[in-house]
C-alpha atoms as a PDB file:
ATOM      1  CA  MET A   1      26.789 231.959 190.907  1.00  0.00           C
ATOM      2  CA  SER A   2      29.006 232.029 187.874  1.00  0.00           C
ATOM      3  CA  ASN A   3      30.250 235.125 186.089  1.00  0.00           C
ATOM      4  CA  SER A   4      28.424 233.953 182.975  1.00  0.00           C
ATOM      5  CA  LEU A   5      25.104 234.099 184.828  1.00  0.00           C
ATOM      6  CA  HIS A   6      25.798 237.709 185.792  1.00  0.00           C
ATOM      7  CA  GLU A   7      26.754 238.447 182.176  1.00  0.00           C
ATOM      8  CA  TYR A   8      23.546 236.844 180.879  1.00  0.00           C
ATOM      9  CA  ILE A   9      21.489 238.884 183.312  1.00  0.00           C
ATOM     10  CA  GLU A  10      23.237 242.052 182.110  1.00  0.00           C
ATOM     11  CA  VAL A  11      22.477 241.156 178.465  1.00  0.00           C
ATOM     12  CA  ILE A  12      18.773 240.744 179.268  1.00  0.00           C
ATOM     13  CA  GLU A  13      18.615 244.016 181.207  1.00  0.00           C
ATOM     14  CA  ALA A  14      20.559 246.025 178.615  1.00  0.00           C
ATOM     15  CA  GLY A  15      18.570 244.450 175.793  1.00  0.00           C
ATOM     16  CA  TYR A  16      15.293 245.404 177.411  1.00  0.00           C
ATOM     17  CA  GLU A  17      16.496 249.012 177.746  1.00  0.00           C
ATOM     18  CA  PHE A  18      17.435 249.011 174.051  1.00  0.00           C
ATOM     19  CA  LEU A  19      14.015 247.612 173.126  1.00  0.00           C
ATOM     20  CA  LEU A  20      12.261 250.344 175.112  1.00  0.00           C
ATOM     21  CA  ALA A  21      14.144 252.962 173.119  1.00  0.00           C
ATOM     22  CA  TYR A  22      13.472 251.162 169.830  1.00  0.00           C
ATOM     23  CA  ALA A  23       9.756 250.960 170.597  1.00  0.00           C
ATOM     24  CA  ALA A  24       9.649 254.720 171.137  1.00  0.00           C
ATOM     25  CA  GLN A  25      11.128 255.491 167.709  1.00  0.00           C
ATOM     26  CA  GLY A  26       7.972 254.845 165.681  1.00  0.00           C
ATOM     27  CA  ARG A  27       9.705 252.669 163.106  1.00  0.00           C
ATOM     28  CA  GLU A  28       7.655 250.755 160.570  1.00  0.00           C
ATOM     29  CA  THR A  29      10.511 248.366 159.822  1.00  0.00           C
ATOM     30  CA  ASP A  30      13.979 247.430 160.990  1.00  0.00           C
ATOM     31  CA  ASP A  31      15.459 247.731 157.475  1.00  0.00           C
ATOM     32  CA  ASP A  32      17.831 250.501 158.519  1.00  0.00           C
ATOM     33  CA  ASN A  33      18.552 249.170 162.029  1.00  0.00           C
ATOM     34  CA  ALA A  34      20.066 245.692 162.283  1.00  0.00           C
ATOM     35  CA  ASP A  35      20.795 246.342 165.958  1.00  0.00           C
ATOM     36  CA  VAL A  36      17.304 245.270 166.965  1.00  0.00           C
ATOM     37  CA  ARG A  37      17.809 241.755 165.556  1.00  0.00           C
ATOM     38  CA  THR A  38      21.273 241.535 167.095  1.00  0.00           C
ATOM     39  CA  THR A  39      19.860 242.627 170.449  1.00  0.00           C
ATOM     40  CA  LEU A  40      16.987 240.151 170.264  1.00  0.00           C
ATOM     41  CA  ALA A  41      19.347 237.319 169.317  1.00  0.00           C
ATOM     42  CA  GLY A  42      21.615 238.199 172.230  1.00  0.00           C
ATOM     43  CA  MET A  43      18.675 238.270 174.625  1.00  0.00           C
ATOM     44  CA  SER A  44      17.479 234.899 173.374  1.00  0.00           C
ATOM     45  CA  GLU A  45      20.955 233.404 173.801  1.00  0.00           C
ATOM     46  CA  ALA A  46      21.265 234.927 177.269  1.00  0.00           C
ATOM     47  CA  ALA A  47      17.859 233.569 178.305  1.00  0.00           C
ATOM     48  CA  ALA A  48      18.899 230.130 177.053  1.00  0.00           C
ATOM     49  CA  GLY A  49      22.144 230.403 178.993  1.00  0.00           C
ATOM     50  CA  ILE A  50      20.282 231.366 182.153  1.00  0.00           C
ATOM     51  CA  ALA A  51      17.900 228.440 181.701  1.00  0.00           C
ATOM     52  CA  THR A  52      20.814 226.051 181.213  1.00  0.00           C
ATOM     53  CA  ILE A  53      22.685 227.266 184.283  1.00  0.00           C
ATOM     54  CA  LEU A  54      19.652 227.287 186.568  1.00  0.00           C
ATOM     55  CA  ALA A  55      18.041 224.069 185.284  1.00  0.00           C
ATOM     56  CA  THR A  56      19.998 222.012 187.823  1.00  0.00           C
ATOM     57  CA  ASP A  57      19.760 224.515 190.688  1.00  0.00           C
ATOM     58  CA  GLU A  58      17.768 223.175 193.628  1.00  0.00           C
ATOM     59  CA  ASN A  59      16.300 226.574 194.504  1.00  0.00           C
ATOM     60  CA  ASP A  60      12.545 226.573 193.832  1.00  0.00           C
ATOM     61  CA  PHE A  61      12.726 230.072 192.358  1.00  0.00           C
ATOM     62  CA  SER A  62      15.244 228.843 189.784  1.00  0.00           C
ATOM     63  CA  THR A  63      12.470 226.696 188.335  1.00  0.00           C
ATOM     64  CA  VAL A  64      10.348 229.818 187.903  1.00  0.00           C
ATOM     65  CA  ILE A  65      13.191 231.642 186.159  1.00  0.00           C
ATOM     66  CA  VAL A  66      13.865 228.707 183.817  1.00  0.00           C
ATOM     67  CA  ASP A  67      10.189 228.569 182.846  1.00  0.00           C
ATOM     68  CA  ASP A  68      10.008 232.323 182.254  1.00  0.00           C
ATOM     69  CA  ALA A  69      13.266 232.224 180.278  1.00  0.00           C
ATOM     70  CA  ARG A  70      11.859 229.568 177.965  1.00  0.00           C
ATOM     71  CA  LYS A  71       8.643 231.533 177.461  1.00  0.00           C
ATOM     72  CA  SER A  72      10.669 234.666 176.716  1.00  0.00           C
ATOM     73  CA  ILE A  73      12.725 232.785 174.137  1.00  0.00           C
ATOM     74  CA  ALA A  74       9.504 231.739 172.411  1.00  0.00           C
ATOM     75  CA  ALA A  75       8.211 235.334 172.345  1.00  0.00           C
ATOM     76  CA  ILE A  76      11.534 236.672 171.054  1.00  0.00           C
ATOM     77  CA  SER A  77      11.641 233.948 168.400  1.00  0.00           C
ATOM     78  CA  LEU A  78       8.177 234.945 167.201  1.00  0.00           C
ATOM     79  CA  VAL A  79       9.302 238.553 166.750  1.00  0.00           C
ATOM     80  CA  MET A  80      12.551 237.589 165.044  1.00  0.00           C
ATOM     81  CA  ALA A  81      10.688 235.383 162.572  1.00  0.00           C
ATOM     82  CA  GLN A  82       8.901 238.429 161.150  1.00  0.00           C
ATOM     83  CA  ASP A  83      10.130 240.026 157.918  1.00  0.00           C
ATOM     84  CA  LYS A  84       9.868 243.472 159.484  1.00  0.00           C
ATOM     85  CA  ILE A  85      10.289 244.399 163.104  1.00  0.00           C
ATOM     86  CA  SER A  86       8.343 247.568 163.795  1.00  0.00           C
ATOM     87  CA  SER A  87       8.423 249.697 166.903  1.00  0.00           C
ATOM     88  CA  GLU A  88       4.858 248.614 167.612  1.00  0.00           C
ATOM     89  CA  LEU A  89       5.832 244.944 167.456  1.00  0.00           C
ATOM     90  CA  VAL A  90       8.731 245.560 169.851  1.00  0.00           C
ATOM     91  CA  ASP A  91       6.433 247.566 172.123  1.00  0.00           C
ATOM     92  CA  ASN A  92       4.104 244.567 172.282  1.00  0.00           C
ATOM     93  CA  LEU A  93       7.064 242.296 173.064  1.00  0.00           C
ATOM     94  CA  ASN A  94       8.130 244.687 175.825  1.00  0.00           C
ATOM     95  CA  ALA A  95       4.619 244.508 177.248  1.00  0.00           C
ATOM     96  CA  SER A  96       4.580 240.718 177.046  1.00  0.00           C
ATOM     97  CA  ILE A  97       4.061 239.214 180.473  1.00  0.00           C
ATOM     98  CA  HIS A  98       6.659 236.591 179.606  1.00  0.00           C
ATOM     99  CA  LEU A  99       9.527 238.991 178.965  1.00  0.00           C
ATOM    100  CA  ARG A 100       8.510 241.230 181.845  1.00  0.00           C
ATOM    101  CA  ALA A 101       8.298 238.236 184.164  1.00  0.00           C
ATOM    102  CA  LEU A 102      11.818 237.151 183.237  1.00  0.00           C
ATOM    103  CA  LEU A 103      13.131 240.665 183.728  1.00  0.00           C
ATOM    104  CA  THR A 104      11.554 241.062 187.158  1.00  0.00           C
ATOM    105  CA  ASP A 105      12.625 237.517 188.112  1.00  0.00           C
ATOM    106  CA  LEU A 106      16.177 238.514 187.292  1.00  0.00           C
ATOM    107  CA  PHE A 107      15.943 241.763 189.271  1.00  0.00           C
ATOM    108  CA  LEU A 108      14.838 239.804 192.326  1.00  0.00           C
ATOM    109  CA  PHE A 109      17.277 236.947 191.801  1.00  0.00           C
ATOM    110  CA  GLY A 110      20.143 239.324 191.069  1.00  0.00           C
ATOM    111  CA  GLU A 111      19.686 240.982 194.446  1.00  0.00           C
ATOM    112  CA  THR A 112      19.958 237.628 196.194  1.00  0.00           C
ATOM    113  CA  ILE A 113      23.209 236.607 194.507  1.00  0.00           C
ATOM    114  CA  ARG A 114      25.186 239.834 194.983  1.00  0.00           C
END
């Protein structure tokens, strides 16, 4: 697989770690932390990149990843559309089956392409 796929996977994994820390901070708003929006935007772009790369892959599991990537993009977009991004909102995103599915898909897939 391409280097860009590995880079996209790293963005998703690092972004999720950042979101876990953000969720634990008890913030009511993201007014003093633009990093959360930057991280979410990067994750969305990485998920879109993964979906684009794997859309033509003939591996059946690639279809699963593409579907989960698209669902994750929708969940991230919903959060980013809010005026304020609280820790609770990010915690709910972290708990979202869609984002968690993509993350675990990528853990599994990443092991197979090393």
